[in-house]
Full PDB file with SEQRES, HELIX, SHEET, SSBOND, CRYST1, ORIGX, SCALE, CONECT and MASTER records, all heavy atoms in Angstrom:
SEQRES   1 A   36  ILE ASP ARG ASN LYS GLN ILE GLN GLU TRP LEU ASP PHE          
SEQRES   2 A   36  ASN ILE ASN SER ILE ASN SER ASN GLY PHE TRP GLY THR          
SEQRES   3 A   36  ASP SER LYS MET ASP TYR LEU GLN PHE GLN                      
HELIX    1 AA1 ASN A    4  ILE A   15  1                                  12    
HELIX    2 AA2 TYR A   32  PHE A   35  1                                   4    
CRYST1    1.000    1.000    1.000  90.00  90.00  90.00 P 1           1          
ORIGX1      1.000000  0.000000  0.000000        0.00000                         
ORIGX2      0.000000  1.000000  0.000000        0.00000                         
ORIGX3      0.000000  0.000000  1.000000        0.00000                         
SCALE1      1.000000  0.000000  0.000000        0.00000                         
SCALE2      0.000000  1.000000  0.000000        0.00000                         
SCALE3      0.000000  0.000000  1.000000        0.00000                         
ATOM      1  N   ILE A   1     117.263 123.989  77.189  1.00  0.00           N  
ATOM      2  CA  ILE A   1     115.866 124.400  77.301  1.00  0.00           C  
ATOM      3  C   ILE A   1     115.832 125.912  77.087  1.00  0.00           C  
ATOM      4  O   ILE A   1     116.481 126.648  77.821  1.00  0.00           O  
ATOM      5  CB  ILE A   1     115.280 124.045  78.679  1.00  0.00           C  
ATOM      6  CG1 ILE A   1     115.362 122.537  78.941  1.00  0.00           C  
ATOM      7  CG2 ILE A   1     113.848 124.536  78.811  1.00  0.00           C  
ATOM      8  CD1 ILE A   1     114.968 122.135  80.354  1.00  0.00           C  
ATOM      9  N   ASP A   2     115.106 126.363  76.104  1.00  0.00           N  
ATOM     10  CA  ASP A   2     115.121 127.785  75.762  1.00  0.00           C  
ATOM     11  C   ASP A   2     114.576 128.636  76.913  1.00  0.00           C  
ATOM     12  O   ASP A   2     113.387 128.596  77.231  1.00  0.00           O  
ATOM     13  CB  ASP A   2     114.287 128.024  74.500  1.00  0.00           C  
ATOM     14  CG  ASP A   2     114.357 129.484  74.038  1.00  0.00           C  
ATOM     15  OD1 ASP A   2     115.145 130.250  74.602  1.00  0.00           O  
ATOM     16  OD2 ASP A   2     113.606 129.839  73.112  1.00  0.00           O  
ATOM     17  N   ARG A   3     115.475 129.418  77.528  1.00  0.00           N  
ATOM     18  CA  ARG A   3     115.085 130.310  78.620  1.00  0.00           C  
ATOM     19  C   ARG A   3     115.535 131.747  78.344  1.00  0.00           C  
ATOM     20  O   ARG A   3     115.668 132.558  79.267  1.00  0.00           O  
ATOM     21  CB  ARG A   3     115.707 129.822  79.941  1.00  0.00           C  
ATOM     22  CG  ARG A   3     115.347 128.414  80.332  1.00  0.00           C  
ATOM     23  CD  ARG A   3     113.877 128.255  80.595  1.00  0.00           C  
ATOM     24  NE  ARG A   3     113.446 128.975  81.787  1.00  0.00           N  
ATOM     25  CZ  ARG A   3     112.188 129.061  82.188  1.00  0.00           C  
ATOM     26  NH1 ARG A   3     111.232 128.498  81.472  1.00  0.00           N  
ATOM     27  NH2 ARG A   3     111.864 129.726  83.280  1.00  0.00           N  
ATOM     28  N   ASN A   4     115.777 132.074  77.105  1.00  0.00           N  
ATOM     29  CA  ASN A   4     116.272 133.412  76.762  1.00  0.00           C  
ATOM     30  C   ASN A   4     115.297 134.512  77.193  1.00  0.00           C  
ATOM     31  O   ASN A   4     115.722 135.564  77.681  1.00  0.00           O  
ATOM     32  CB  ASN A   4     116.534 133.501  75.252  1.00  0.00           C  
ATOM     33  CG  ASN A   4     117.784 132.738  74.854  1.00  0.00           C  
ATOM     34  OD1 ASN A   4     118.861 132.983  75.378  1.00  0.00           O  
ATOM     35  ND2 ASN A   4     117.646 131.796  73.930  1.00  0.00           N  
ATOM     36  N   LYS A   5     114.013 134.271  77.022  1.00  0.00           N  
ATOM     37  CA  LYS A   5     113.010 135.259  77.433  1.00  0.00           C  
ATOM     38  C   LYS A   5     113.064 135.492  78.943  1.00  0.00           C  
ATOM     39  O   LYS A   5     113.050 136.633  79.417  1.00  0.00           O  
ATOM     40  CB  LYS A   5     111.620 134.781  77.020  1.00  0.00           C  
ATOM     41  CG  LYS A   5     110.475 135.696  77.456  1.00  0.00           C  
ATOM     42  CD  LYS A   5     109.139 135.144  76.966  1.00  0.00           C  
ATOM     43  CE  LYS A   5     107.972 136.031  77.415  1.00  0.00           C  
ATOM     44  NZ  LYS A   5     107.761 135.911  78.867  1.00  0.00           N  
ATOM     45  N   GLN A   6     113.153 134.408  79.707  1.00  0.00           N  
ATOM     46  CA  GLN A   6     113.169 134.524  81.169  1.00  0.00           C  
ATOM     47  C   GLN A   6     114.478 135.152  81.665  1.00  0.00           C  
ATOM     48  O   GLN A   6     114.468 135.922  82.634  1.00  0.00           O  
ATOM     49  CB  GLN A   6     112.970 133.144  81.806  1.00  0.00           C  
ATOM     50  CG  GLN A   6     111.567 132.587  81.670  1.00  0.00           C  
ATOM     51  CD  GLN A   6     111.283 132.005  80.294  1.00  0.00           C  
ATOM     52  OE1 GLN A   6     112.189 131.812  79.475  1.00  0.00           O  
ATOM     53  NE2 GLN A   6     110.020 131.717  80.023  1.00  0.00           N  
ATOM     54  N   ILE A   7     115.575 134.818  81.019  1.00  0.00           N  
ATOM     55  CA  ILE A   7     116.853 135.430  81.401  1.00  0.00           C  
ATOM     56  C   ILE A   7     116.810 136.935  81.143  1.00  0.00           C  
ATOM     57  O   ILE A   7     117.297 137.730  81.957  1.00  0.00           O  
ATOM     58  CB  ILE A   7     118.020 134.762  80.644  1.00  0.00           C  
ATOM     59  CG1 ILE A   7     118.203 133.325  81.135  1.00  0.00           C  
ATOM     60  CG2 ILE A   7     119.310 135.558  80.825  1.00  0.00           C  
ATOM     61  CD1 ILE A   7     119.188 132.517  80.310  1.00  0.00           C  
ATOM     62  N   GLN A   8     116.223 137.341  80.045  1.00  0.00           N  
ATOM     63  CA  GLN A   8     116.093 138.768  79.752  1.00  0.00           C  
ATOM     64  C   GLN A   8     115.182 139.450  80.766  1.00  0.00           C  
ATOM     65  O   GLN A   8     115.436 140.589  81.189  1.00  0.00           O  
ATOM     66  CB  GLN A   8     115.559 138.986  78.337  1.00  0.00           C  
ATOM     67  CG  GLN A   8     115.621 140.440  77.879  1.00  0.00           C  
ATOM     68  CD  GLN A   8     117.035 140.989  77.892  1.00  0.00           C  
ATOM     69  OE1 GLN A   8     117.957 140.403  77.311  1.00  0.00           O  
ATOM     70  NE2 GLN A   8     117.229 142.121  78.576  1.00  0.00           N  
ATOM     71  N   GLU A   9     114.118 138.763  81.178  1.00  0.00           N  
ATOM     72  CA  GLU A   9     113.238 139.310  82.210  1.00  0.00           C  
ATOM     73  C   GLU A   9     114.001 139.478  83.521  1.00  0.00           C  
ATOM     74  O   GLU A   9     113.822 140.479  84.231  1.00  0.00           O  
ATOM     75  CB  GLU A   9     112.033 138.395  82.409  1.00  0.00           C  
ATOM     76  CG  GLU A   9     111.037 138.428  81.268  1.00  0.00           C  
ATOM     77  CD  GLU A   9     109.883 137.455  81.472  1.00  0.00           C  
ATOM     78  OE1 GLU A   9     109.959 136.617  82.402  1.00  0.00           O  
ATOM     79  OE2 GLU A   9     108.905 137.532  80.705  1.00  0.00           O  
ATOM     80  N   TRP A  10     114.829 138.489  83.845  1.00  0.00           N  
ATOM     81  CA  TRP A  10     115.657 138.581  85.061  1.00  0.00           C  
ATOM     82  C   TRP A  10     116.585 139.789  84.966  1.00  0.00           C  
ATOM     83  O   TRP A  10     116.712 140.561  85.925  1.00  0.00           O  
ATOM     84  CB  TRP A  10     116.465 137.288  85.228  1.00  0.00           C  
ATOM     85  CG  TRP A  10     117.263 137.223  86.492  1.00  0.00           C  
ATOM     86  CD1 TRP A  10     116.894 136.625  87.660  1.00  0.00           C  
ATOM     87  CD2 TRP A  10     118.575 137.766  86.716  1.00  0.00           C  
ATOM     88  NE1 TRP A  10     117.892 136.763  88.606  1.00  0.00           N  
ATOM     89  CE2 TRP A  10     118.925 137.459  88.051  1.00  0.00           C  
ATOM     90  CE3 TRP A  10     119.474 138.470  85.932  1.00  0.00           C  
ATOM     91  CZ2 TRP A  10     120.137 137.847  88.616  1.00  0.00           C  
ATOM     92  CZ3 TRP A  10     120.688 138.863  86.486  1.00  0.00           C  
ATOM     93  CH2 TRP A  10     121.015 138.556  87.807  1.00  0.00           C  
ATOM     94  N   LEU A  11     117.223 139.957  83.835  1.00  0.00           N  
ATOM     95  CA  LEU A  11     118.143 141.075  83.640  1.00  0.00           C  
ATOM     96  C   LEU A  11     117.416 142.413  83.720  1.00  0.00           C  
ATOM     97  O   LEU A  11     117.874 143.337  84.402  1.00  0.00           O  
ATOM     98  CB  LEU A  11     118.854 140.947  82.291  1.00  0.00           C  
ATOM     99  CG  LEU A  11     119.900 139.837  82.183  1.00  0.00           C  
ATOM    100  CD1 LEU A  11     120.357 139.677  80.736  1.00  0.00           C  
ATOM    101  CD2 LEU A  11     121.093 140.128  83.082  1.00  0.00           C  
ATOM    102  N   ASP A  12     116.297 142.527  83.049  1.00  0.00           N  
ATOM    103  CA  ASP A  12     115.545 143.785  83.049  1.00  0.00           C  
ATOM    104  C   ASP A  12     115.131 144.168  84.454  1.00  0.00           C  
ATOM    105  O   ASP A  12     115.253 145.328  84.864  1.00  0.00           O  
ATOM    106  CB  ASP A  12     114.301 143.666  82.154  1.00  0.00           C  
ATOM    107  CG  ASP A  12     114.650 143.588  80.676  1.00  0.00           C  
ATOM    108  OD1 ASP A  12     115.788 143.952  80.314  1.00  0.00           O  
ATOM    109  OD2 ASP A  12     113.787 143.146  79.890  1.00  0.00           O  
ATOM    110  N   PHE A  13     114.628 143.179  85.216  1.00  0.00           N  
ATOM    111  CA  PHE A  13     114.155 143.468  86.576  1.00  0.00           C  
ATOM    112  C   PHE A  13     115.308 143.961  87.454  1.00  0.00           C  
ATOM    113  O   PHE A  13     115.170 144.950  88.174  1.00  0.00           O  
ATOM    114  CB  PHE A  13     113.535 142.215  87.194  1.00  0.00           C  
ATOM    115  CG  PHE A  13     112.895 142.463  88.532  1.00  0.00           C  
ATOM    116  CD1 PHE A  13     111.541 142.753  88.613  1.00  0.00           C  
ATOM    117  CD2 PHE A  13     113.631 142.404  89.705  1.00  0.00           C  
ATOM    118  CE1 PHE A  13     110.938 142.996  89.843  1.00  0.00           C  
ATOM    119  CE2 PHE A  13     113.048 142.638  90.936  1.00  0.00           C  
ATOM    120  CZ  PHE A  13     111.697 142.935  91.012  1.00  0.00           C  
ATOM    121  N   ASN A  14     116.450 143.274  87.388  1.00  0.00           N  
ATOM    122  CA  ASN A  14     117.573 143.636  88.245  1.00  0.00           C  
ATOM    123  C   ASN A  14     118.254 144.926  87.802  1.00  0.00           C  
ATOM    124  O   ASN A  14     118.573 145.789  88.626  1.00  0.00           O  
ATOM    125  CB  ASN A  14     118.586 142.489  88.282  1.00  0.00           C  
ATOM    126  CG  ASN A  14     118.149 141.355  89.192  1.00  0.00           C  
ATOM    127  OD1 ASN A  14     118.293 141.412  90.400  1.00  0.00           O  
ATOM    128  ND2 ASN A  14     117.575 140.313  88.599  1.00  0.00           N  
ATOM    129  N   ILE A  15     118.462 145.082  86.516  1.00  0.00           N  
ATOM    130  CA  ILE A  15     119.155 146.274  86.026  1.00  0.00           C  
ATOM    131  C   ILE A  15     118.324 147.533  86.248  1.00  0.00           C  
ATOM    132  O   ILE A  15     118.845 148.586  86.629  1.00  0.00           O  
ATOM    133  CB  ILE A  15     119.509 146.111  84.531  1.00  0.00           C  
ATOM    134  CG1 ILE A  15     120.569 145.019  84.364  1.00  0.00           C  
ATOM    135  CG2 ILE A  15     120.018 147.428  83.940  1.00  0.00           C  
ATOM    136  CD1 ILE A  15     120.861 144.654  82.915  1.00  0.00           C  
ATOM    137  N   ASN A  16     117.016 147.438  86.040  1.00  0.00           N  
ATOM    138  CA  ASN A  16     116.145 148.606  86.175  1.00  0.00           C  
ATOM    139  C   ASN A  16     115.975 149.073  87.614  1.00  0.00           C  
ATOM    140  O   ASN A  16     115.444 150.163  87.855  1.00  0.00           O  
ATOM    141  CB  ASN A  16     114.771 148.312  85.566  1.00  0.00           C  
ATOM    142  CG  ASN A  16     114.832 148.183  84.052  1.00  0.00           C  
ATOM    143  OD1 ASN A  16     115.744 148.703  83.412  1.00  0.00           O  
ATOM    144  ND2 ASN A  16     113.867 147.473  83.473  1.00  0.00           N  
ATOM    145  N   SER A  17     116.407 148.272  88.568  1.00  0.00           N  
ATOM    146  CA  SER A  17     116.260 148.666  89.971  1.00  0.00           C  
ATOM    147  C   SER A  17     117.600 148.973  90.638  1.00  0.00           C  
ATOM    148  O   SER A  17     117.678 149.090  91.861  1.00  0.00           O  
ATOM    149  CB  SER A  17     115.507 147.574  90.752  1.00  0.00           C  
ATOM    150  OG  SER A  17     116.096 146.296  90.565  1.00  0.00           O  
ATOM    151  N   ILE A  18     118.679 149.110  89.862  1.00  0.00           N  
ATOM    152  CA  ILE A  18     119.980 149.491  90.418  1.00  0.00           C  
ATOM    153  C   ILE A  18     119.919 150.931  90.918  1.00  0.00           C  
ATOM    154  O   ILE A  18     119.401 151.820  90.233  1.00  0.00           O  
ATOM    155  CB  ILE A  18     121.098 149.342  89.354  1.00  0.00           C  
ATOM    156  CG1 ILE A  18     121.296 147.865  89.004  1.00  0.00           C  
ATOM    157  CG2 ILE A  18     122.404 149.938  89.848  1.00  0.00           C  
ATOM    158  CD1 ILE A  18     122.319 147.630  87.902  1.00  0.00           C  
ATOM    159  N   ASN A  19     120.450 151.171  92.124  1.00  0.00           N  
ATOM    160  CA  ASN A  19     120.411 152.523  92.693  1.00  0.00           C  
ATOM    161  C   ASN A  19     121.663 153.327  92.336  1.00  0.00           C  
ATOM    162  O   ASN A  19     122.518 152.874  91.570  1.00  0.00           O  
ATOM    163  CB  ASN A  19     120.199 152.460  94.216  1.00  0.00           C  
ATOM    164  CG  ASN A  19     121.367 151.794  94.954  1.00  0.00           C  
ATOM    165  OD1 ASN A  19     122.483 151.694  94.451  1.00  0.00           O  
ATOM    166  ND2 ASN A  19     121.101 151.329  96.164  1.00  0.00           N  
ATOM    167  N   SER A  20     121.796 154.493  92.906  1.00  0.00           N  
ATOM    168  CA  SER A  20     122.893 155.402  92.556  1.00  0.00           C  
ATOM    169  C   SER A  20     124.262 154.898  93.006  1.00  0.00           C  
ATOM    170  O   SER A  20     125.294 155.396  92.544  1.00  0.00           O  
ATOM    171  CB  SER A  20     122.641 156.786  93.160  1.00  0.00           C  
ATOM    172  OG  SER A  20     122.561 156.710  94.582  1.00  0.00           O  
ATOM    173  N   ASN A  21     124.275 153.916  93.905  1.00  0.00           N  
ATOM    174  CA  ASN A  21     125.542 153.324  94.361  1.00  0.00           C  
ATOM    175  C   ASN A  21     125.970 152.141  93.495  1.00  0.00           C  
ATOM    176  O   ASN A  21     127.036 151.570  93.722  1.00  0.00           O  
ATOM    177  CB  ASN A  21     125.412 152.852  95.818  1.00  0.00           C  
ATOM    178  CG  ASN A  21     125.188 153.999  96.768  1.00  0.00           C  
ATOM    179  OD1 ASN A  21     125.789 155.058  96.643  1.00  0.00           O  
ATOM    180  ND2 ASN A  21     124.286 153.809  97.727  1.00  0.00           N  
ATOM    181  N   GLY A  22     125.124 151.776  92.549  1.00  0.00           N  
ATOM    182  CA  GLY A  22     125.431 150.625  91.707  1.00  0.00           C  
ATOM    183  C   GLY A  22     124.892 149.324  92.272  1.00  0.00           C  
ATOM    184  O   GLY A  22     125.155 148.249  91.726  1.00  0.00           O  
ATOM    185  N   PHE A  23     124.132 149.412  93.365  1.00  0.00           N  
ATOM    186  CA  PHE A  23     123.584 148.219  94.007  1.00  0.00           C  
ATOM    187  C   PHE A  23     122.070 148.346  94.127  1.00  0.00           C  
ATOM    188  O   PHE A  23     121.429 148.974  93.308  1.00  0.00           O  
ATOM    189  CB  PHE A  23     124.265 147.999  95.363  1.00  0.00           C  
ATOM    190  CG  PHE A  23     125.714 147.624  95.237  1.00  0.00           C  
ATOM    191  CD1 PHE A  23     126.716 148.571  95.417  1.00  0.00           C  
ATOM    192  CD2 PHE A  23     126.089 146.326  94.898  1.00  0.00           C  
ATOM    193  CE1 PHE A  23     128.060 148.231  95.271  1.00  0.00           C  
ATOM    194  CE2 PHE A  23     127.423 145.971  94.747  1.00  0.00           C  
ATOM    195  CZ  PHE A  23     128.404 146.936  94.936  1.00  0.00           C  
ATOM    196  N   TRP A  24     121.492 147.763  95.161  1.00  0.00           N  
ATOM    197  CA  TRP A  24     120.041 147.769  95.331  1.00  0.00           C  
ATOM    198  C   TRP A  24     119.703 148.231  96.735  1.00  0.00           C  
ATOM    199  O   TRP A  24     120.426 147.939  97.697  1.00  0.00           O  
ATOM    200  CB  TRP A  24     119.465 146.369  95.078  1.00  0.00           C  
ATOM    201  CG  TRP A  24     119.557 145.991  93.635  1.00  0.00           C  
ATOM    202  CD1 TRP A  24     118.574 146.085  92.689  1.00  0.00           C  
ATOM    203  CD2 TRP A  24     120.713 145.476  92.957  1.00  0.00           C  
ATOM    204  NE1 TRP A  24     119.055 145.672  91.472  1.00  0.00           N  
ATOM    205  CE2 TRP A  24     120.356 145.292  91.600  1.00  0.00           C  
ATOM    206  CE3 TRP A  24     122.014 145.172  93.339  1.00  0.00           C  
ATOM    207  CZ2 TRP A  24     121.243 144.802  90.639  1.00  0.00           C  
ATOM    208  CZ3 TRP A  24     122.909 144.688  92.396  1.00  0.00           C  
ATOM    209  CH2 TRP A  24     122.523 144.508  91.059  1.00  0.00           C  
ATOM    210  N   GLY A  25     118.607 148.949  96.859  1.00  0.00           N  
ATOM    211  CA  GLY A  25     118.195 149.477  98.148  1.00  0.00           C  
ATOM    212  C   GLY A  25     117.770 150.925  98.019  1.00  0.00           C  
ATOM    213  O   GLY A  25     118.144 151.625  97.074  1.00  0.00           O  
ATOM    214  N   THR A  26     117.011 151.391  98.997  1.00  0.00           N  
ATOM    215  CA  THR A  26     116.461 152.747  98.944  1.00  0.00           C  
ATOM    216  C   THR A  26     117.345 153.772  99.643  1.00  0.00           C  
ATOM    217  O   THR A  26     117.137 154.974  99.476  1.00  0.00           O  
ATOM    218  CB  THR A  26     115.073 152.760  99.595  1.00  0.00           C  
ATOM    219  OG1 THR A  26     115.171 152.269 100.945  1.00  0.00           O  
ATOM    220  CG2 THR A  26     114.100 151.881  98.823  1.00  0.00           C  
ATOM    221  N   ASP A  27     118.310 153.342 100.436  1.00  0.00           N  
ATOM    222  CA  ASP A  27     119.183 154.266 101.153  1.00  0.00           C  
ATOM    223  C   ASP A  27     120.240 154.815 100.204  1.00  0.00           C  
ATOM    224  O   ASP A  27     120.953 154.064  99.543  1.00  0.00           O  
ATOM    225  CB  ASP A  27     119.849 153.547 102.329  1.00  0.00           C  
ATOM    226  CG  ASP A  27     120.487 154.512 103.319  1.00  0.00           C  
ATOM    227  OD1 ASP A  27     120.745 155.680 102.939  1.00  0.00           O  
ATOM    228  OD2 ASP A  27     120.745 154.110 104.464  1.00  0.00           O  
ATOM    229  N   SER A  28     120.379 156.119 100.150  1.00  0.00           N  
ATOM    230  CA  SER A  28     121.366 156.732  99.264  1.00  0.00           C  
ATOM    231  C   SER A  28     122.789 156.581  99.785  1.00  0.00           C  
ATOM    232  O   SER A  28     123.753 156.682  99.028  1.00  0.00           O  
ATOM    233  CB  SER A  28     121.049 158.223  99.077  1.00  0.00           C  
ATOM    234  OG  SER A  28     121.094 158.901 100.332  1.00  0.00           O  
ATOM    235  N   LYS A  29     122.918 156.331 101.100  1.00  0.00           N  
ATOM    236  CA  LYS A  29     124.247 156.134 101.683  1.00  0.00           C  
ATOM    237  C   LYS A  29     124.689 154.687 101.505  1.00  0.00           C  
ATOM    238  O   LYS A  29     123.930 153.766 101.752  1.00  0.00           O  
ATOM    239  CB  LYS A  29     124.227 156.497 103.172  1.00  0.00           C  
ATOM    240  CG  LYS A  29     123.984 157.975 103.451  1.00  0.00           C  
ATOM    241  CD  LYS A  29     124.031 158.264 104.942  1.00  0.00           C  
ATOM    242  CE  LYS A  29     123.799 159.744 105.220  1.00  0.00           C  
ATOM    243  NZ  LYS A  29     123.823 160.025 106.688  1.00  0.00           N  
ATOM    244  N   MET A  30     125.937 154.506 101.108  1.00  0.00           N  
ATOM    245  CA  MET A  30     126.473 153.165 100.907  1.00  0.00           C  
ATOM    246  C   MET A  30     126.693 152.475 102.249  1.00  0.00           C  
ATOM    247  O   MET A  30     127.174 153.101 103.207  1.00  0.00           O  
ATOM    248  CB  MET A  30     127.790 153.264 100.136  1.00  0.00           C  
ATOM    249  CG  MET A  30     128.391 151.935  99.767  1.00  0.00           C  
ATOM    250  SD  MET A  30     127.318 151.010  98.657  1.00  0.00           S  
ATOM    251  CE  MET A  30     128.318 149.547  98.397  1.00  0.00           C  
ATOM    252  N   ASP A  31     126.337 151.209 102.340  1.00  0.00           N  
ATOM    253  CA  ASP A  31     126.582 150.444 103.560  1.00  0.00           C  
ATOM    254  C   ASP A  31     126.952 149.011 103.195  1.00  0.00           C  
ATOM    255  O   ASP A  31     126.952 148.624 102.031  1.00  0.00           O  
ATOM    256  CB  ASP A  31     125.369 150.479 104.497  1.00  0.00           C  
ATOM    257  CG  ASP A  31     124.086 149.985 103.811  1.00  0.00           C  
ATOM    258  OD1 ASP A  31     124.169 149.045 102.994  1.00  0.00           O  
ATOM    259  OD2 ASP A  31     123.006 150.540 104.095  1.00  0.00           O  
ATOM    260  N   TYR A  32     127.286 148.238 104.217  1.00  0.00           N  
ATOM    261  CA  TYR A  32     127.724 146.861 104.004  1.00  0.00           C  
ATOM    262  C   TYR A  32     126.623 145.997 103.408  1.00  0.00           C  
ATOM    263  O   TYR A  32     126.888 145.106 102.604  1.00  0.00           O  
ATOM    264  CB  TYR A  32     128.190 146.247 105.319  1.00  0.00           C  
ATOM    265  CG  TYR A  32     129.498 146.793 105.817  1.00  0.00           C  
ATOM    266  CD1 TYR A  32     129.537 147.762 106.827  1.00  0.00           C  
ATOM    267  CD2 TYR A  32     130.713 146.362 105.291  1.00  0.00           C  
ATOM    268  CE1 TYR A  32     130.733 148.267 107.296  1.00  0.00           C  
ATOM    269  CE2 TYR A  32     131.910 146.863 105.747  1.00  0.00           C  
ATOM    270  CZ  TYR A  32     131.919 147.813 106.751  1.00  0.00           C  
ATOM    271  OH  TYR A  32     133.107 148.314 107.200  1.00  0.00           O  
ATOM    272  N   LEU A  33     125.380 146.239 103.827  1.00  0.00           N  
ATOM    273  CA  LEU A  33     124.273 145.434 103.326  1.00  0.00           C  
ATOM    274  C   LEU A  33     124.144 145.567 101.815  1.00  0.00           C  
ATOM    275  O   LEU A  33     123.980 144.573 101.106  1.00  0.00           O  
ATOM    276  CB  LEU A  33     122.962 145.851 103.995  1.00  0.00           C  
ATOM    277  CG  LEU A  33     121.690 145.204 103.423  1.00  0.00           C  
ATOM    278  CD1 LEU A  33     121.744 143.686 103.557  1.00  0.00           C  
ATOM    279  CD2 LEU A  33     120.451 145.763 104.104  1.00  0.00           C  
ATOM    280  N   GLN A  34     124.257 146.794 101.311  1.00  0.00           N  
ATOM    281  CA  GLN A  34     124.076 147.001  99.877  1.00  0.00           C  
ATOM    282  C   GLN A  34     125.100 146.217  99.066  1.00  0.00           C  
ATOM    283  O   GLN A  34     124.745 145.510  98.123  1.00  0.00           O  
ATOM    284  CB  GLN A  34     124.172 148.491  99.531  1.00  0.00           C  
ATOM    285  CG  GLN A  34     122.929 149.270  99.874  1.00  0.00           C  
ATOM    286  CD  GLN A  34     122.903 150.636  99.223  1.00  0.00           C  
ATOM    287  OE1 GLN A  34     123.366 150.814  98.108  1.00  0.00           O  
ATOM    288  NE2 GLN A  34     122.367 151.616  99.934  1.00  0.00           N  
ATOM    289  N   PHE A  35     126.384 146.301  99.429  1.00  0.00           N  
ATOM    290  CA  PHE A  35     127.367 145.635  98.575  1.00  0.00           C  
ATOM    291  C   PHE A  35     127.403 144.128  98.814  1.00  0.00           C  
ATOM    292  O   PHE A  35     127.553 143.345  97.868  1.00  0.00           O  
ATOM    293  CB  PHE A  35     128.753 146.285  98.729  1.00  0.00           C  
ATOM    294  CG  PHE A  35     129.755 145.533  99.558  1.00  0.00           C  
ATOM    295  CD1 PHE A  35     130.347 144.373  99.083  1.00  0.00           C  
ATOM    296  CD2 PHE A  35     130.155 146.002 100.808  1.00  0.00           C  
ATOM    297  CE1 PHE A  35     131.295 143.691  99.842  1.00  0.00           C  
ATOM    298  CE2 PHE A  35     131.099 145.335 101.558  1.00  0.00           C  
ATOM    299  CZ  PHE A  35     131.668 144.173 101.081  1.00  0.00           C  
ATOM    300  N   GLN A  36     127.237 143.684 100.066  1.00  0.00           N  
ATOM    301  CA  GLN A  36     127.349 142.258 100.326  1.00  0.00           C  
ATOM    302  C   GLN A  36     126.106 141.518  99.847  1.00  0.00           C  
ATOM    303  O   GLN A  36     126.171 140.360  99.459  1.00  0.00           O  
ATOM    304  CB  GLN A  36     127.573 142.025 101.825  1.00  0.00           C  
ATOM    305  CG  GLN A  36     128.344 140.769 102.161  1.00  0.00           C  
ATOM    306  CD  GLN A  36     127.455 139.548 102.312  1.00  0.00           C  
ATOM    307  OE1 GLN A  36     126.309 139.656 102.756  1.00  0.00           O  
ATOM    308  NE2 GLN A  36     127.975 138.388 101.954  1.00  0.00           N  
TER     309      GLN A  36                                                      
MASTER        0    0    0    2    0    0    0    6  308    1    0    3          
END                                                                             
């Protein structure tokens, strides 16, 4: 079932919100929550 458009949307949303630690979250300090 062609889902290439939706997969790209998933990728764009997640990649565009990666923080400076390489993960997700607003805290600049790395913690267990961010990586796990």
